Amino acid sequence: MFRVQRAGVASKAAWQTICTNSSAAYARGIYQRQLKINSVGRFRLLDPADKVLAEAKAQPLFQREESDDEQRAPTYYTPPAVTPRSG
């Protein structure tokens, strides 16, 4: 069984299994999704022999690369300029 595990921010935090699945593709998808939706923590993907296939830290939302494929709406709204009416 492939496993996805998460550890907290502290360097001595214990690993906690958050997903177990027999499909490598499914487990890798969960691993990648966790990296995208979480802003803190460490994640790793393990194979059935408990060998670490991938390990990474989650990145804070506002420090992500511009190359992210996710499109975000602006967090501010600027109304159009108002032109005065004569009269």
N, C-alpha and C. Protein backbone atom coordinates (compact mmCIF):
# COMPACT_ATOMS: atom_id res chain seq x y z
N MET A 1 0.83 -1.18 0.00
CA MET A 1 0.00 0.00 0.00
C MET A 1 0.88 1.26 0.00
N PHE A 2 0.54 2.18 -0.85
CA PHE A 2 1.22 3.47 -0.89
C PHE A 2 0.60 4.35 0.19
N ARG A 3 1.43 5.17 0.83
CA ARG A 3 0.94 6.04 1.90
C ARG A 3 1.39 7.47 1.68
N VAL A 4 0.54 8.40 2.08
CA VAL A 4 0.88 9.82 2.13
C VAL A 4 0.89 10.18 3.60
N GLN A 5 1.97 10.82 4.04
CA GLN A 5 2.09 11.20 5.44
C GLN A 5 2.34 12.69 5.57
N ARG A 6 1.94 13.22 6.74
CA ARG A 6 2.12 14.63 7.04
C ARG A 6 2.79 14.77 8.39
N ALA A 7 3.67 15.76 8.49
CA ALA A 7 4.28 16.12 9.77
C ALA A 7 4.11 17.61 9.95
N GLY A 8 4.05 18.04 11.19
CA GLY A 8 3.89 19.46 11.48
C GLY A 8 5.13 20.25 11.14
N VAL A 9 5.11 21.50 11.50
CA VAL A 9 6.20 22.41 11.19
C VAL A 9 7.44 22.11 12.02
N ALA A 10 7.27 21.68 13.25
CA ALA A 10 8.40 21.41 14.14
C ALA A 10 9.27 20.29 13.55
N SER A 11 10.56 20.41 13.74
CA SER A 11 11.48 19.42 13.17
C SER A 11 11.34 18.03 13.79
N LYS A 12 10.83 17.94 15.00
CA LYS A 12 10.68 16.64 15.66
C LYS A 12 9.24 16.15 15.64
N ALA A 13 8.40 16.75 14.82
CA ALA A 13 7.00 16.34 14.75
C ALA A 13 6.90 14.94 14.16
N ALA A 14 6.00 14.14 14.69
CA ALA A 14 5.81 12.76 14.22
C ALA A 14 5.04 12.76 12.90
N TRP A 15 5.35 11.78 12.06
CA TRP A 15 4.64 11.62 10.80
C TRP A 15 3.30 10.95 11.06
N GLN A 16 2.26 11.46 10.42
CA GLN A 16 0.91 10.92 10.56
C GLN A 16 0.40 10.54 9.17
N THR A 17 -0.08 9.33 9.02
CA THR A 17 -0.61 8.87 7.73
C THR A 17 -1.97 9.51 7.49
N ILE A 18 -2.11 10.15 6.31
CA ILE A 18 -3.38 10.80 5.97
C ILE A 18 -4.07 10.10 4.80
N CYS A 19 -3.36 9.20 4.09
CA CYS A 19 -3.95 8.48 2.98
C CYS A 19 -3.21 7.16 2.78
N THR A 20 -3.96 6.09 2.54
CA THR A 20 -3.39 4.79 2.20
C THR A 20 -4.18 4.27 1.01
N ASN A 21 -3.45 3.87 -0.06
CA ASN A 21 -4.12 3.37 -1.25
C ASN A 21 -3.20 2.43 -1.99
N SER A 22 -3.77 1.48 -2.71
CA SER A 22 -2.96 0.52 -3.46
C SER A 22 -2.47 1.09 -4.78
N SER A 23 -3.05 2.20 -5.24
CA SER A 23 -2.67 2.82 -6.51
C SER A 23 -1.62 3.90 -6.29
N ALA A 24 -0.50 3.76 -6.99
CA ALA A 24 0.57 4.76 -6.89
C ALA A 24 0.10 6.10 -7.45
N ALA A 25 -0.64 6.07 -8.55
CA ALA A 25 -1.11 7.32 -9.17
C ALA A 25 -2.06 8.07 -8.24
N TYR A 26 -2.96 7.34 -7.59
CA TYR A 26 -3.90 7.98 -6.67
C TYR A 26 -3.16 8.60 -5.49
N ALA A 27 -2.22 7.85 -4.90
CA ALA A 27 -1.47 8.36 -3.75
C ALA A 27 -0.63 9.57 -4.14
N ARG A 28 -0.02 9.55 -5.33
CA ARG A 28 0.77 10.70 -5.78
C ARG A 28 -0.12 11.91 -5.99
N GLY A 29 -1.33 11.71 -6.49
CA GLY A 29 -2.27 12.81 -6.66
C GLY A 29 -2.65 13.44 -5.33
N ILE A 30 -2.89 12.61 -4.32
CA ILE A 30 -3.21 13.11 -2.98
C ILE A 30 -2.02 13.88 -2.43
N TYR A 31 -0.82 13.36 -2.61
CA TYR A 31 0.40 14.02 -2.14
C TYR A 31 0.54 15.41 -2.76
N GLN A 32 0.37 15.49 -4.08
CA GLN A 32 0.50 16.78 -4.77
C GLN A 32 -0.61 17.74 -4.36
N ARG A 33 -1.82 17.24 -4.17
CA ARG A 33 -2.93 18.09 -3.73
C ARG A 33 -2.67 18.66 -2.35
N GLN A 34 -2.13 17.84 -1.45
CA GLN A 34 -1.85 18.31 -0.10
C GLN A 34 -0.80 19.43 -0.12
N LEU A 35 0.18 19.32 -1.00
CA LEU A 35 1.19 20.38 -1.11
C LEU A 35 0.57 21.69 -1.59
N LYS A 36 -0.44 21.60 -2.43
CA LYS A 36 -1.07 22.81 -2.96
C LYS A 36 -2.05 23.45 -1.99
N ILE A 37 -2.84 22.63 -1.27
CA ILE A 37 -3.90 23.22 -0.46
C ILE A 37 -3.46 23.59 0.95
N ASN A 38 -2.34 23.07 1.41
CA ASN A 38 -1.86 23.39 2.74
C ASN A 38 -0.77 24.44 2.67
N SER A 39 -0.74 25.33 3.65
CA SER A 39 0.26 26.39 3.64
C SER A 39 1.42 26.08 4.59
N VAL A 40 1.27 25.10 5.45
CA VAL A 40 2.35 24.71 6.36
C VAL A 40 2.40 23.19 6.47
N GLY A 41 3.54 22.69 6.88
CA GLY A 41 3.68 21.25 7.11
C GLY A 41 4.63 20.62 6.11
N ARG A 42 4.99 19.39 6.42
CA ARG A 42 5.85 18.58 5.53
C ARG A 42 5.05 17.36 5.11
N PHE A 43 5.24 16.94 3.87
CA PHE A 43 4.50 15.81 3.33
C PHE A 43 5.48 14.85 2.66
N ARG A 44 5.13 13.56 2.68
CA ARG A 44 5.95 12.59 1.98
C ARG A 44 5.07 11.47 1.44
N LEU A 45 5.57 10.85 0.38
CA LEU A 45 4.91 9.74 -0.28
C LEU A 45 5.78 8.51 -0.10
N LEU A 46 5.20 7.42 0.44
CA LEU A 46 5.93 6.18 0.69
C LEU A 46 5.39 5.06 -0.18
N ASP A 47 6.31 4.19 -0.65
CA ASP A 47 5.88 3.01 -1.41
C ASP A 47 5.55 1.87 -0.45
N PRO A 48 5.07 0.72 -0.95
CA PRO A 48 4.70 -0.38 -0.05
C PRO A 48 5.85 -0.90 0.83
N ALA A 49 7.09 -0.68 0.42
CA ALA A 49 8.24 -1.12 1.22
C ALA A 49 8.72 -0.02 2.17
N ASP A 50 7.93 1.01 2.36
CA ASP A 50 8.24 2.17 3.22
C ASP A 50 9.44 2.97 2.74
N LYS A 51 9.73 2.92 1.45
CA LYS A 51 10.77 3.76 0.86
C LYS A 51 10.14 5.10 0.49
N VAL A 52 10.82 6.19 0.83
CA VAL A 52 10.30 7.54 0.55
C VAL A 52 10.48 7.82 -0.94
N LEU A 53 9.36 8.01 -1.63
CA LEU A 53 9.39 8.33 -3.06
C LEU A 53 9.48 9.83 -3.31
N ALA A 54 8.85 10.62 -2.44
CA ALA A 54 8.87 12.08 -2.58
C ALA A 54 8.64 12.69 -1.21
N GLU A 55 9.29 13.82 -0.99
CA GLU A 55 9.11 14.55 0.27
C GLU A 55 9.30 16.03 -0.01
N ALA A 56 8.40 16.85 0.56
CA ALA A 56 8.48 18.30 0.34
C ALA A 56 7.75 19.04 1.45
N LYS A 57 8.08 20.33 1.56
CA LYS A 57 7.38 21.22 2.49
C LYS A 57 6.30 21.96 1.72
N ALA A 58 5.18 22.18 2.38
CA ALA A 58 4.14 23.01 1.78
C ALA A 58 4.63 24.45 1.76
N GLN A 59 4.24 25.17 0.72
CA GLN A 59 4.66 26.56 0.57
C GLN A 59 3.51 27.49 0.93
N PRO A 60 3.79 28.56 1.67
CA PRO A 60 2.73 29.52 1.98
C PRO A 60 2.10 30.05 0.69
N LEU A 61 0.82 30.32 0.75
CA LEU A 61 0.04 30.72 -0.42
C LEU A 61 0.66 31.88 -1.18
N PHE A 62 1.13 32.89 -0.49
CA PHE A 62 1.60 34.10 -1.17
C PHE A 62 3.07 34.04 -1.52
N GLN A 63 3.72 32.90 -1.33
CA GLN A 63 5.11 32.74 -1.73
C GLN A 63 5.25 31.73 -2.85
N ARG A 64 4.15 31.34 -3.46
CA ARG A 64 4.21 30.36 -4.53
C ARG A 64 4.73 31.01 -5.79
N GLU A 65 5.23 30.18 -6.68
CA GLU A 65 5.81 30.65 -7.93
C GLU A 65 4.73 31.18 -8.86
N GLU A 66 5.14 32.09 -9.74
CA GLU A 66 4.22 32.63 -10.74
C GLU A 66 3.81 31.55 -11.74
N SER A 67 4.59 30.48 -11.83
CA SER A 67 4.31 29.44 -12.80
C SER A 67 3.20 28.49 -12.36
N ASP A 68 2.60 28.72 -11.19
CA ASP A 68 1.49 27.88 -10.75
C ASP A 68 0.39 27.93 -11.81
N ASP A 69 -0.18 26.78 -12.13
CA ASP A 69 -1.21 26.74 -13.15
C ASP A 69 -2.58 27.19 -12.64
N GLU A 70 -2.70 27.38 -11.36
CA GLU A 70 -3.96 27.81 -10.78
C GLU A 70 -4.16 29.30 -11.02
N GLN A 71 -5.32 29.68 -11.51
CA GLN A 71 -5.63 31.08 -11.76
C GLN A 71 -6.38 31.63 -10.55
N ARG A 72 -5.90 32.73 -10.02
CA ARG A 72 -6.54 33.34 -8.86
C ARG A 72 -7.13 34.69 -9.24
N ALA A 73 -8.30 34.97 -8.71
CA ALA A 73 -8.91 36.28 -8.92
C ALA A 73 -8.18 37.29 -8.05
N PRO A 74 -8.12 38.55 -8.47
CA PRO A 74 -7.47 39.55 -7.64
C PRO A 74 -8.21 39.70 -6.30
N THR A 75 -7.47 40.05 -5.28
CA THR A 75 -8.08 40.16 -3.95
C THR A 75 -8.56 41.58 -3.67
N TYR A 76 -8.54 42.42 -4.66
CA TYR A 76 -8.99 43.79 -4.48
C TYR A 76 -9.90 44.16 -5.65
N TYR A 77 -10.69 45.19 -5.46
CA TYR A 77 -11.59 45.66 -6.52
C TYR A 77 -11.41 47.15 -6.68
N THR A 78 -11.14 47.56 -7.88
CA THR A 78 -11.00 48.98 -8.18
C THR A 78 -12.13 49.35 -9.14
N PRO A 79 -13.07 50.19 -8.69
CA PRO A 79 -14.17 50.57 -9.60
C PRO A 79 -13.63 51.44 -10.72
N PRO A 80 -14.32 51.47 -11.83
CA PRO A 80 -13.88 52.32 -12.93
C PRO A 80 -13.97 53.79 -12.55
N ALA A 81 -13.15 54.58 -13.20
CA ALA A 81 -13.14 56.03 -12.90
C ALA A 81 -14.48 56.64 -13.29
N VAL A 82 -14.94 57.57 -12.47
CA VAL A 82 -16.22 58.24 -12.71
C VAL A 82 -15.95 59.56 -13.40
N THR A 83 -16.64 59.78 -14.50
CA THR A 83 -16.48 61.07 -15.19
C THR A 83 -17.66 61.95 -14.82
N PRO A 84 -17.40 63.19 -14.41
CA PRO A 84 -18.51 64.08 -14.01
C PRO A 84 -19.40 64.43 -15.18
N ARG A 85 -20.70 64.54 -14.90
CA ARG A 85 -21.67 64.92 -15.94
C ARG A 85 -21.84 66.43 -15.90
N SER A 86 -22.00 66.96 -17.05
CA SER A 86 -22.26 68.42 -17.09
C SER A 86 -23.76 68.64 -17.00
N GLY A 87 -24.11 69.67 -16.33
CA GLY A 87 -25.53 69.90 -16.36
C GLY A 87 -26.12 70.46 -15.20
